[in-house]
Amino acid sequence: AVVSTQSTGDNLVVSPEPEIDVEEVRVVGSFKKGTMLAGHKTADIVIILKHLPTKEDTTKVMEVLTNKLNEQQATKTGVSSAATDSGFTYTCCGNTLRVFLTTLPSNTTETIDKEKHIKLDHLKNSLAAIRHARWFEENAFQSSIRVMVRLLKDFKRRIPFFRNVNPWTIDLLAHHSALGSNLSVPMVFRRCLQLLAAGILLPGSASISDPCEPGFVKAHSFMSYEEQDELACGAQTLLRALANGGFKEVLGVKGARVVTFDTPAMFNGVIVTPSKLAYEKPSETELMDTSGS
């Protein structure tokens, strides 16, 4: 469906439909980067229009692409499409294609009608997804980086304190952990946990800068203090579990017991207790005193 959609989108660039001015079609996300997990049946694609996309454009593009894709399907069972705030989704045979509509960067400075156009945040996020995919393709050429991304995405599925880390931060963290010459996957994996445990994504740290944004934007700026603290403490717990032979539980090896690492667990006769969180959320009284001063 991804290849068919890109091919159909490219045809719209050459032979545009009435009132649908397509500038470019880009595949993004884990499918483009080669970091998709087994069982994950969702791919992403961005369609760049020459003008500010409206909700009416969403309906038109969805109808055109859905009709073209349906013509190529051997079966029509389980085929559906639905509009979203940023584009639409196309589902067939249990696989989902998320299509995002955006415009040229120069058009984002124009006045946007909230009732008519797709929201500016959605447009910018889609453009960012294109930049992320391009940067990853150019810089994450080591196979160990892609393996590390998959490991961290699996953590995000299984381990509670990883659930708030977004995919782009995972990409940057995996790349940063693999910096060096000929590092094996185990070395990159351990270094990644050591960086997190040492507080690379904590407030006040040097952190990892976002290479796709102007200035110095920290990769973890979207996370709350509580989430940053949970991640650092959780990485410390994982390192102690590894030090005591708990690699099967940490990696989620098939047949190993399920451990979420937010409660004490025993590894080879040693009880590993989760690190105690350091951050304490200020009370309302303290916040009022601070704002008053």
C-alpha atoms as a PDB file:
ATOM      1  CA  ALA A   1       0.000   0.000   0.000  1.00  0.00           C
ATOM      2  CA  VAL A   2       2.904   2.358   0.773  1.00  0.00           C
ATOM      3  CA  VAL A   3       4.525   1.819  -2.624  1.00  0.00           C
ATOM      4  CA  SER A   4       1.156   2.073  -4.387  1.00  0.00           C
ATOM      5  CA  THR A   5       0.302   5.296  -2.552  1.00  0.00           C
ATOM      6  CA  GLN A   6       3.667   6.864  -3.343  1.00  0.00           C
ATOM      7  CA  SER A   7       3.305   5.847  -6.997  1.00  0.00           C
ATOM      8  CA  THR A   8      -0.223   7.268  -7.139  1.00  0.00           C
ATOM      9  CA  GLY A   9       0.949  10.465  -5.427  1.00  0.00           C
ATOM     10  CA  ASP A  10       3.811  10.836  -7.891  1.00  0.00           C
ATOM     11  CA  ASN A  11       1.297  10.491 -10.730  1.00  0.00           C
ATOM     12  CA  LEU A  12      -0.709  13.333  -9.181  1.00  0.00           C
ATOM     13  CA  VAL A  13       2.421  15.492  -9.346  1.00  0.00           C
ATOM     14  CA  VAL A  14       2.819  14.803 -13.072  1.00  0.00           C
ATOM     15  CA  SER A  15      -0.897  14.732 -13.959  1.00  0.00           C
ATOM     16  CA  PRO A  16      -2.708  16.617 -11.188  1.00  0.00           C
ATOM     17  CA  GLU A  17      -6.371  16.110 -10.445  1.00  0.00           C
ATOM     18  CA  PRO A  18      -8.606  19.215 -10.470  1.00  0.00           C
ATOM     19  CA  GLU A  19      -7.899  21.405  -7.413  1.00  0.00           C
ATOM     20  CA  ILE A  20      -5.327  18.931  -6.041  1.00  0.00           C
ATOM     21  CA  ASP A  21      -1.866  20.458  -6.480  1.00  0.00           C
ATOM     22  CA  VAL A  22       0.595  17.898  -5.141  1.00  0.00           C
ATOM     23  CA  GLU A  23       4.188  19.094  -4.799  1.00  0.00           C
ATOM     24  CA  GLU A  24       5.774  15.915  -3.451  1.00  0.00           C
ATOM     25  CA  VAL A  25       5.072  12.600  -1.718  1.00  0.00           C
ATOM     26  CA  ARG A  26       7.391  11.303   1.012  1.00  0.00           C
ATOM     27  CA  VAL A  27       7.437   8.047   2.962  1.00  0.00           C
ATOM     28  CA  VAL A  28       8.308   8.686   6.619  1.00  0.00           C
ATOM     29  CA  GLY A  29       8.337   6.919   9.974  1.00  0.00           C
ATOM     30  CA  SER A  30       9.627   3.478  10.915  1.00  0.00           C
ATOM     31  CA  PHE A  31       8.783   1.970   7.506  1.00  0.00           C
ATOM     32  CA  LYS A  32      11.095   4.448   5.775  1.00  0.00           C
ATOM     33  CA  LYS A  33      13.822   4.142   8.410  1.00  0.00           C
ATOM     34  CA  GLY A  34      13.784   0.344   8.500  1.00  0.00           C
ATOM     35  CA  THR A  35      13.045   0.234  12.229  1.00  0.00           C
ATOM     36  CA  MET A  36       9.553  -1.256  12.192  1.00  0.00           C
ATOM     37  CA  LEU A  37       8.843  -3.875  14.844  1.00  0.00           C
ATOM     38  CA  ALA A  38       7.358  -7.279  14.079  1.00  0.00           C
ATOM     39  CA  GLY A  39       3.596  -7.133  14.327  1.00  0.00           C
ATOM     40  CA  HIS A  40       3.464  -3.387  13.729  1.00  0.00           C
ATOM     41  CA  LYS A  41       1.199  -2.964  10.715  1.00  0.00           C
ATOM     42  CA  THR A  42       1.097   0.807  10.363  1.00  0.00           C
ATOM     43  CA  ALA A  43       3.104   2.864   7.857  1.00  0.00           C
ATOM     44  CA  ASP A  44       3.221   6.638   7.364  1.00  0.00           C
ATOM     45  CA  ILE A  45       3.369   8.823   4.289  1.00  0.00           C
ATOM     46  CA  VAL A  46       3.282  12.623   3.852  1.00  0.00           C
ATOM     47  CA  ILE A  47       1.724  14.409   0.887  1.00  0.00           C
ATOM     48  CA  ILE A  48       2.933  17.970   0.369  1.00  0.00           C
ATOM     49  CA  LEU A  49       0.438  20.270  -1.352  1.00  0.00           C
ATOM     50  CA  LYS A  50       1.393  23.522  -3.061  1.00  0.00           C
ATOM     51  CA  HIS A  51      -1.211  25.419  -1.042  1.00  0.00           C
ATOM     52  CA  LEU A  52      -2.465  25.362   2.528  1.00  0.00           C
ATOM     53  CA  PRO A  53      -4.433  22.104   2.814  1.00  0.00           C
ATOM     54  CA  THR A  54      -8.053  22.423   3.814  1.00  0.00           C
ATOM     55  CA  LYS A  55     -10.396  19.852   5.279  1.00  0.00           C
ATOM     56  CA  GLU A  56     -12.021  19.715   1.857  1.00  0.00           C
ATOM     57  CA  ASP A  57      -8.622  18.834   0.354  1.00  0.00           C
ATOM     58  CA  THR A  58      -8.392  15.962   2.813  1.00  0.00           C
ATOM     59  CA  THR A  59     -11.673  14.544   1.519  1.00  0.00           C
ATOM     60  CA  LYS A  60     -10.651  14.963  -2.134  1.00  0.00           C
ATOM     61  CA  VAL A  61      -7.205  13.374  -1.721  1.00  0.00           C
ATOM     62  CA  MET A  62      -8.675  10.555   0.358  1.00  0.00           C
ATOM     63  CA  GLU A  63     -11.279   9.781  -2.326  1.00  0.00           C
ATOM     64  CA  VAL A  64      -8.717   9.827  -5.166  1.00  0.00           C
ATOM     65  CA  LEU A  65      -6.128   7.682  -3.392  1.00  0.00           C
ATOM     66  CA  THR A  66      -8.695   5.289  -1.948  1.00  0.00           C
ATOM     67  CA  ASN A  67     -10.207   4.664  -5.378  1.00  0.00           C
ATOM     68  CA  LYS A  68      -6.768   4.129  -6.942  1.00  0.00           C
ATOM     69  CA  LEU A  69      -5.675   1.750  -4.171  1.00  0.00           C
ATOM     70  CA  ASN A  70      -8.942  -0.180  -4.215  1.00  0.00           C
ATOM     71  CA  GLU A  71      -8.457  -0.839  -7.939  1.00  0.00           C
ATOM     72  CA  GLN A  72      -5.176  -2.581  -7.119  1.00  0.00           C
ATOM     73  CA  GLN A  73      -6.572  -4.773  -4.330  1.00  0.00           C
ATOM     74  CA  ALA A  74      -7.502  -8.368  -5.124  1.00  0.00           C
ATOM     75  CA  THR A  75     -10.072  -8.341  -2.333  1.00  0.00           C
ATOM     76  CA  LYS A  76     -12.225  -5.534  -0.974  1.00  0.00           C
ATOM     77  CA  THR A  77     -12.713  -7.243   2.383  1.00  0.00           C
ATOM     78  CA  GLY A  78     -11.587  -5.157   5.351  1.00  0.00           C
ATOM     79  CA  VAL A  79     -10.919  -2.067   3.227  1.00  0.00           C
ATOM     80  CA  SER A  80     -11.799   1.270   4.802  1.00  0.00           C
ATOM     81  CA  SER A  81     -10.671   4.885   4.997  1.00  0.00           C
ATOM     82  CA  ALA A  82     -11.346   7.616   7.519  1.00  0.00           C
ATOM     83  CA  ALA A  83     -10.417  11.290   7.797  1.00  0.00           C
ATOM     84  CA  THR A  84      -8.265  12.489  10.711  1.00  0.00           C
ATOM     85  CA  ASP A  85      -7.220  15.917  11.986  1.00  0.00           C
ATOM     86  CA  SER A  86      -3.965  15.761  10.005  1.00  0.00           C
ATOM     87  CA  GLY A  87      -5.018  13.705   6.964  1.00  0.00           C
ATOM     88  CA  PHE A  88      -6.610  10.295   6.735  1.00  0.00           C
ATOM     89  CA  THR A  89      -6.031   6.574   7.252  1.00  0.00           C
ATOM     90  CA  TYR A  90      -6.424   3.739   4.767  1.00  0.00           C
ATOM     91  CA  THR A  91      -6.866   0.208   6.102  1.00  0.00           C
ATOM     92  CA  CYS A  92      -6.717  -3.002   4.087  1.00  0.00           C
ATOM     93  CA  CYS A  93      -6.248  -6.625   5.187  1.00  0.00           C
ATOM     94  CA  GLY A  94      -5.310  -5.560   8.702  1.00  0.00           C
ATOM     95  CA  ASN A  95      -2.621  -3.121   7.540  1.00  0.00           C
ATOM     96  CA  THR A  96      -3.012   0.623   8.081  1.00  0.00           C
ATOM     97  CA  LEU A  97      -1.530   3.456   6.066  1.00  0.00           C
ATOM     98  CA  ARG A  98      -1.558   6.874   7.723  1.00  0.00           C
ATOM     99  CA  VAL A  99      -1.515   9.707   5.205  1.00  0.00           C
ATOM    100  CA  PHE A 100      -0.606  13.188   6.455  1.00  0.00           C
ATOM    101  CA  LEU A 101      -1.251  16.338   4.454  1.00  0.00           C
ATOM    102  CA  THR A 102       1.010  19.363   4.707  1.00  0.00           C
ATOM    103  CA  THR A 103       2.268  22.227   2.575  1.00  0.00           C
ATOM    104  CA  LEU A 104       5.503  23.913   1.558  1.00  0.00           C
ATOM    105  CA  PRO A 105       7.383  25.434   4.528  1.00  0.00           C
ATOM    106  CA  SER A 106       7.007  28.912   3.031  1.00  0.00           C
ATOM    107  CA  ASN A 107       3.213  28.602   3.200  1.00  0.00           C
ATOM    108  CA  THR A 108       3.124  28.006   6.959  1.00  0.00           C
ATOM    109  CA  THR A 109       3.528  31.740   7.560  1.00  0.00           C
ATOM    110  CA  GLU A 110       0.218  32.478   5.836  1.00  0.00           C
ATOM    111  CA  THR A 111      -2.955  33.147   7.789  1.00  0.00           C
ATOM    112  CA  ILE A 112      -4.691  29.906   8.710  1.00  0.00           C
ATOM    113  CA  ASP A 113      -8.427  29.651   9.170  1.00  0.00           C
ATOM    114  CA  LYS A 114      -8.963  27.171  12.017  1.00  0.00           C
ATOM    115  CA  GLU A 115     -12.368  26.213  10.678  1.00  0.00           C
ATOM    116  CA  LYS A 116     -11.167  25.681   7.107  1.00  0.00           C
ATOM    117  CA  HIS A 117      -7.529  24.584   7.146  1.00  0.00           C
ATOM    118  CA  ILE A 118      -5.617  21.779   8.815  1.00  0.00           C
ATOM    119  CA  LYS A 119      -4.104  23.103  12.049  1.00  0.00           C
ATOM    120  CA  LEU A 120      -0.637  24.632  11.881  1.00  0.00           C
ATOM    121  CA  ASP A 121       0.750  22.204  14.481  1.00  0.00           C
ATOM    122  CA  HIS A 122      -0.239  19.251  12.303  1.00  0.00           C
ATOM    123  CA  LEU A 123       1.353  20.852   9.230  1.00  0.00           C
ATOM    124  CA  LYS A 124       4.606  21.468  11.096  1.00  0.00           C
ATOM    125  CA  ASN A 125       4.652  17.959  12.574  1.00  0.00           C
ATOM    126  CA  SER A 126       4.310  16.441   9.102  1.00  0.00           C
ATOM    127  CA  LEU A 127       7.154  18.589   7.776  1.00  0.00           C
ATOM    128  CA  ALA A 128       9.243  17.580  10.795  1.00  0.00           C
ATOM    129  CA  ALA A 129       8.576  13.906  10.031  1.00  0.00           C
ATOM    130  CA  ILE A 130      10.097  14.438   6.574  1.00  0.00           C
ATOM    131  CA  ARG A 131      13.188  16.093   8.072  1.00  0.00           C
ATOM    132  CA  HIS A 132      13.541  13.278  10.611  1.00  0.00           C
ATOM    133  CA  ALA A 133      13.351  10.563   7.949  1.00  0.00           C
ATOM    134  CA  ARG A 134      15.904  12.352   5.765  1.00  0.00           C
ATOM    135  CA  TRP A 135      18.315  12.915   8.666  1.00  0.00           C
ATOM    136  CA  PHE A 136      18.048   9.300   9.819  1.00  0.00           C
ATOM    137  CA  GLU A 137      18.688   7.996   6.308  1.00  0.00           C
ATOM    138  CA  GLU A 138      21.804  10.153   5.969  1.00  0.00           C
ATOM    139  CA  ASN A 139      23.272   9.620   9.449  1.00  0.00           C
ATOM    140  CA  ALA A 140      22.065   6.296  10.848  1.00  0.00           C
ATOM    141  CA  PHE A 141      23.977   4.119   8.405  1.00  0.00           C
ATOM    142  CA  GLN A 142      25.292   1.727  11.079  1.00  0.00           C
ATOM    143  CA  SER A 143      23.187  -1.410  11.472  1.00  0.00           C
ATOM    144  CA  SER A 144      23.668  -1.233  15.254  1.00  0.00           C
ATOM    145  CA  ILE A 145      21.664   2.023  15.340  1.00  0.00           C
ATOM    146  CA  ARG A 146      18.623   0.408  13.731  1.00  0.00           C
ATOM    147  CA  VAL A 147      18.870  -2.572  16.093  1.00  0.00           C
ATOM    148  CA  MET A 148      19.085  -0.188  19.052  1.00  0.00           C
ATOM    149  CA  VAL A 149      16.029   1.722  17.859  1.00  0.00           C
ATOM    150  CA  ARG A 150      14.054  -1.523  17.708  1.00  0.00           C
ATOM    151  CA  LEU A 151      15.191  -2.485  21.213  1.00  0.00           C
ATOM    152  CA  LEU A 152      14.112   0.870  22.632  1.00  0.00           C
ATOM    153  CA  LYS A 153      10.780   0.691  20.814  1.00  0.00           C
ATOM    154  CA  ASP A 154      10.253  -2.739  22.348  1.00  0.00           C
ATOM    155  CA  PHE A 155      11.028  -1.181  25.763  1.00  0.00           C
ATOM    156  CA  LYS A 156       8.376   1.419  25.011  1.00  0.00           C
ATOM    157  CA  ARG A 157       5.880  -1.402  24.500  1.00  0.00           C
ATOM    158  CA  ARG A 158       6.802  -3.419  27.596  1.00  0.00           C
ATOM    159  CA  ILE A 159       8.351  -1.191  30.250  1.00  0.00           C
ATOM    160  CA  PRO A 160       6.232   1.555  31.878  1.00  0.00           C
ATOM    161  CA  PHE A 161       8.939   4.208  32.323  1.00  0.00           C
ATOM    162  CA  PHE A 162       9.783   4.149  28.598  1.00  0.00           C
ATOM    163  CA  ARG A 163       6.215   4.802  27.474  1.00  0.00           C
ATOM    164  CA  ASN A 164       6.658   8.617  27.363  1.00  0.00           C
ATOM    165  CA  VAL A 165       9.730   8.618  25.109  1.00  0.00           C
ATOM    166  CA  ASN A 166       8.694   9.562  21.574  1.00  0.00           C
ATOM    167  CA  PRO A 167      10.068   7.809  18.439  1.00  0.00           C
ATOM    168  CA  TRP A 168      12.265  10.745  17.379  1.00  0.00           C
ATOM    169  CA  THR A 169      13.985  10.878  20.776  1.00  0.00           C
ATOM    170  CA  ILE A 170      14.550   7.121  20.499  1.00  0.00           C
ATOM    171  CA  ASP A 171      16.223   7.648  17.092  1.00  0.00           C
ATOM    172  CA  LEU A 172      18.505  10.371  18.445  1.00  0.00           C
ATOM    173  CA  LEU A 173      19.368   8.389  21.580  1.00  0.00           C
ATOM    174  CA  ALA A 174      20.246   5.278  19.560  1.00  0.00           C
ATOM    175  CA  HIS A 175      22.419   7.341  17.197  1.00  0.00           C
ATOM    176  CA  HIS A 176      24.179   9.120  20.074  1.00  0.00           C
ATOM    177  CA  SER A 177      24.849   5.812  21.846  1.00  0.00           C
ATOM    178  CA  ALA A 178      26.457   4.324  18.734  1.00  0.00           C
ATOM    179  CA  LEU A 179      28.909   7.188  18.164  1.00  0.00           C
ATOM    180  CA  GLY A 180      32.363   5.672  17.865  1.00  0.00           C
ATOM    181  CA  SER A 181      34.132   3.117  15.718  1.00  0.00           C
ATOM    182  CA  ASN A 182      32.792  -0.396  15.199  1.00  0.00           C
ATOM    183  CA  LEU A 183      30.773  -0.667  18.401  1.00  0.00           C
ATOM    184  CA  SER A 184      28.898  -3.944  18.750  1.00  0.00           C
ATOM    185  CA  VAL A 185      25.174  -3.983  19.537  1.00  0.00           C
ATOM    186  CA  PRO A 186      25.747  -5.126  23.175  1.00  0.00           C
ATOM    187  CA  MET A 187      28.174  -2.230  23.699  1.00  0.00           C
ATOM    188  CA  VAL A 188      25.731   0.267  22.196  1.00  0.00           C
ATOM    189  CA  PHE A 189      22.908  -1.171  24.301  1.00  0.00           C
ATOM    190  CA  ARG A 190      24.864  -0.893  27.556  1.00  0.00           C
ATOM    191  CA  ARG A 191      26.119   2.590  26.689  1.00  0.00           C
ATOM    192  CA  CYS A 192      22.558   3.723  25.974  1.00  0.00           C
ATOM    193  CA  LEU A 193      21.348   2.568  29.402  1.00  0.00           C
ATOM    194  CA  GLN A 194      24.413   4.117  31.071  1.00  0.00           C
ATOM    195  CA  LEU A 195      23.721   7.472  29.408  1.00  0.00           C
ATOM    196  CA  LEU A 196      20.101   7.405  30.542  1.00  0.00           C
ATOM    197  CA  ALA A 197      21.055   6.286  34.038  1.00  0.00           C
ATOM    198  CA  ALA A 198      23.632   9.086  34.274  1.00  0.00           C
ATOM    199  CA  GLY A 199      20.917  11.629  33.465  1.00  0.00           C
ATOM    200  CA  ILE A 200      21.516  12.649  29.858  1.00  0.00           C
ATOM    201  CA  LEU A 201      17.773  13.362  29.568  1.00  0.00           C
ATOM    202  CA  LEU A 202      17.400  15.113  32.927  1.00  0.00           C
ATOM    203  CA  PRO A 203      16.855  18.873  33.491  1.00  0.00           C
ATOM    204  CA  GLY A 204      20.112  20.815  33.342  1.00  0.00           C
ATOM    205  CA  SER A 205      21.994  18.105  31.456  1.00  0.00           C
ATOM    206  CA  ALA A 206      23.873  18.615  28.196  1.00  0.00           C
ATOM    207  CA  SER A 207      21.231  16.349  26.660  1.00  0.00           C
ATOM    208  CA  ILE A 208      21.069  15.615  22.925  1.00  0.00           C
ATOM    209  CA  SER A 209      20.278  18.488  20.598  1.00  0.00           C
ATOM    210  CA  ASP A 210      17.678  18.075  17.886  1.00  0.00           C
ATOM    211  CA  PRO A 211      19.633  18.306  14.590  1.00  0.00           C
ATOM    212  CA  CYS A 212      16.475  19.100  12.634  1.00  0.00           C
ATOM    213  CA  GLU A 213      15.488  22.214  14.573  1.00  0.00           C
ATOM    214  CA  PRO A 214      17.180  25.640  14.590  1.00  0.00           C
ATOM    215  CA  GLY A 215      19.072  26.622  17.720  1.00  0.00           C
ATOM    216  CA  PHE A 216      19.651  24.221  20.594  1.00  0.00           C
ATOM    217  CA  VAL A 217      16.426  22.287  21.138  1.00  0.00           C
ATOM    218  CA  LYS A 218      16.796  19.452  23.616  1.00  0.00           C
ATOM    219  CA  ALA A 219      15.546  16.063  22.482  1.00  0.00           C
ATOM    220  CA  HIS A 220      13.608  15.557  25.728  1.00  0.00           C
ATOM    221  CA  SER A 221      12.058  19.022  25.983  1.00  0.00           C
ATOM    222  CA  PHE A 222       8.571  17.536  25.535  1.00  0.00           C
ATOM    223  CA  MET A 223       8.884  15.368  28.668  1.00  0.00           C
ATOM    224  CA  SER A 224       7.752  16.487  32.113  1.00  0.00           C
ATOM    225  CA  TYR A 225      10.143  16.465  35.084  1.00  0.00           C
ATOM    226  CA  GLU A 226       8.381  13.391  36.472  1.00  0.00           C
ATOM    227  CA  GLU A 227       8.795  11.506  33.192  1.00  0.00           C
ATOM    228  CA  GLN A 228      12.479  12.439  32.933  1.00  0.00           C
ATOM    229  CA  ASP A 229      13.071  11.262  36.495  1.00  0.00           C
ATOM    230  CA  GLU A 230      11.216   7.980  35.897  1.00  0.00           C
ATOM    231  CA  LEU A 231      13.321   7.277  32.797  1.00  0.00           C
ATOM    232  CA  ALA A 232      16.670   7.907  34.526  1.00  0.00           C
ATOM    233  CA  CYS A 233      15.735   5.844  37.585  1.00  0.00           C
ATOM    234  CA  GLY A 234      14.324   3.088  35.396  1.00  0.00           C
ATOM    235  CA  ALA A 235      17.561   2.872  33.383  1.00  0.00           C
ATOM    236  CA  GLN A 236      19.500   2.527  36.653  1.00  0.00           C
ATOM    237  CA  THR A 237      17.234  -0.373  37.627  1.00  0.00           C
ATOM    238  CA  LEU A 238      17.759  -2.070  34.255  1.00  0.00           C
ATOM    239  CA  LEU A 239      21.544  -1.807  34.611  1.00  0.00           C
ATOM    240  CA  ARG A 240      21.408  -3.463  38.049  1.00  0.00           C
ATOM    241  CA  ALA A 241      19.219  -6.220  36.630  1.00  0.00           C
ATOM    242  CA  LEU A 242      21.741  -6.791  33.815  1.00  0.00           C
ATOM    243  CA  ALA A 243      24.627  -6.837  36.304  1.00  0.00           C
ATOM    244  CA  ASN A 244      22.882  -9.692  38.119  1.00  0.00           C
ATOM    245  CA  GLY A 245      22.131 -11.805  35.051  1.00  0.00           C
ATOM    246  CA  GLY A 246      18.677 -10.524  34.183  1.00  0.00           C
ATOM    247  CA  PHE A 247      19.354 -10.000  30.485  1.00  0.00           C
ATOM    248  CA  LYS A 248      16.511 -12.305  29.371  1.00  0.00           C
ATOM    249  CA  GLU A 249      13.977 -10.342  31.392  1.00  0.00           C
ATOM    250  CA  VAL A 250      15.405  -6.997  30.259  1.00  0.00           C
ATOM    251  CA  LEU A 251      15.318  -7.981  26.581  1.00  0.00           C
ATOM    252  CA  GLY A 252      11.974  -9.738  26.860  1.00  0.00           C
ATOM    253  CA  VAL A 253      13.351 -13.000  25.453  1.00  0.00           C
ATOM    254  CA  LYS A 254      10.635 -15.484  24.526  1.00  0.00           C
ATOM    255  CA  GLY A 255       9.908 -17.800  27.420  1.00  0.00           C
ATOM    256  CA  ALA A 256      11.387 -15.476  30.056  1.00  0.00           C
ATOM    257  CA  ARG A 257       9.197 -14.217  32.900  1.00  0.00           C
ATOM    258  CA  VAL A 258       7.555 -10.834  32.403  1.00  0.00           C
ATOM    259  CA  VAL A 259       9.146  -8.128  34.548  1.00  0.00           C
ATOM    260  CA  THR A 260       8.113  -4.465  34.306  1.00  0.00           C
ATOM    261  CA  PHE A 261      10.941  -3.257  36.629  1.00  0.00           C
ATOM    262  CA  ASP A 262       8.682  -0.920  38.575  1.00  0.00           C
ATOM    263  CA  THR A 263       8.561  -3.366  41.510  1.00  0.00           C
ATOM    264  CA  PRO A 264      11.334  -5.400  43.251  1.00  0.00           C
ATOM    265  CA  ALA A 265      12.409  -8.530  41.342  1.00  0.00           C
ATOM    266  CA  MET A 266      14.948 -11.285  42.052  1.00  0.00           C
ATOM    267  CA  PHE A 267      17.756 -12.143  39.642  1.00  0.00           C
ATOM    268  CA  ASN A 268      20.101 -15.035  40.494  1.00  0.00           C
ATOM    269  CA  GLY A 269      19.275 -14.732  44.184  1.00  0.00           C
ATOM    270  CA  VAL A 270      19.737 -10.952  44.265  1.00  0.00           C
ATOM    271  CA  ILE A 271      16.717  -8.690  44.793  1.00  0.00           C
ATOM    272  CA  VAL A 272      16.839  -5.641  42.521  1.00  0.00           C
ATOM    273  CA  THR A 273      14.765  -2.777  43.886  1.00  0.00           C
ATOM    274  CA  PRO A 274      13.705   0.078  41.580  1.00  0.00           C
ATOM    275  CA  SER A 275      15.577   3.328  42.138  1.00  0.00           C
ATOM    276  CA  LYS A 276      13.738   5.851  44.253  1.00  0.00           C
ATOM    277  CA  LEU A 277      12.465   8.852  42.319  1.00  0.00           C
ATOM    278  CA  ALA A 278      14.275  12.085  43.152  1.00  0.00           C
ATOM    279  CA  TYR A 279      11.855  14.659  41.796  1.00  0.00           C
ATOM    280  CA  GLU A 280       9.085  15.889  44.067  1.00  0.00           C
ATOM    281  CA  LYS A 281       6.354  17.914  42.452  1.00  0.00           C
ATOM    282  CA  PRO A 282       5.904  21.271  44.225  1.00  0.00           C
ATOM    283  CA  SER A 283       2.677  21.699  46.117  1.00  0.00           C
ATOM    284  CA  GLU A 284       0.160  24.369  45.099  1.00  0.00           C
ATOM    285  CA  THR A 285       1.239  26.469  48.089  1.00  0.00           C
ATOM    286  CA  GLU A 286       4.886  26.367  47.026  1.00  0.00           C
ATOM    287  CA  LEU A 287       3.948  27.290  43.467  1.00  0.00           C
ATOM    288  CA  MET A 288       1.878  30.237  44.680  1.00  0.00           C
ATOM    289  CA  ASP A 289       4.731  31.433  46.926  1.00  0.00           C
ATOM    290  CA  THR A 290       7.153  31.219  44.002  1.00  0.00           C
ATOM    291  CA  SER A 291       4.857  33.129  41.644  1.00  0.00           C
ATOM    292  CA  GLY A 292       4.150  35.716  44.345  1.00  0.00           C
ATOM    293  CA  SER A 293       7.804  36.449  44.937  1.00  0.00           C
END
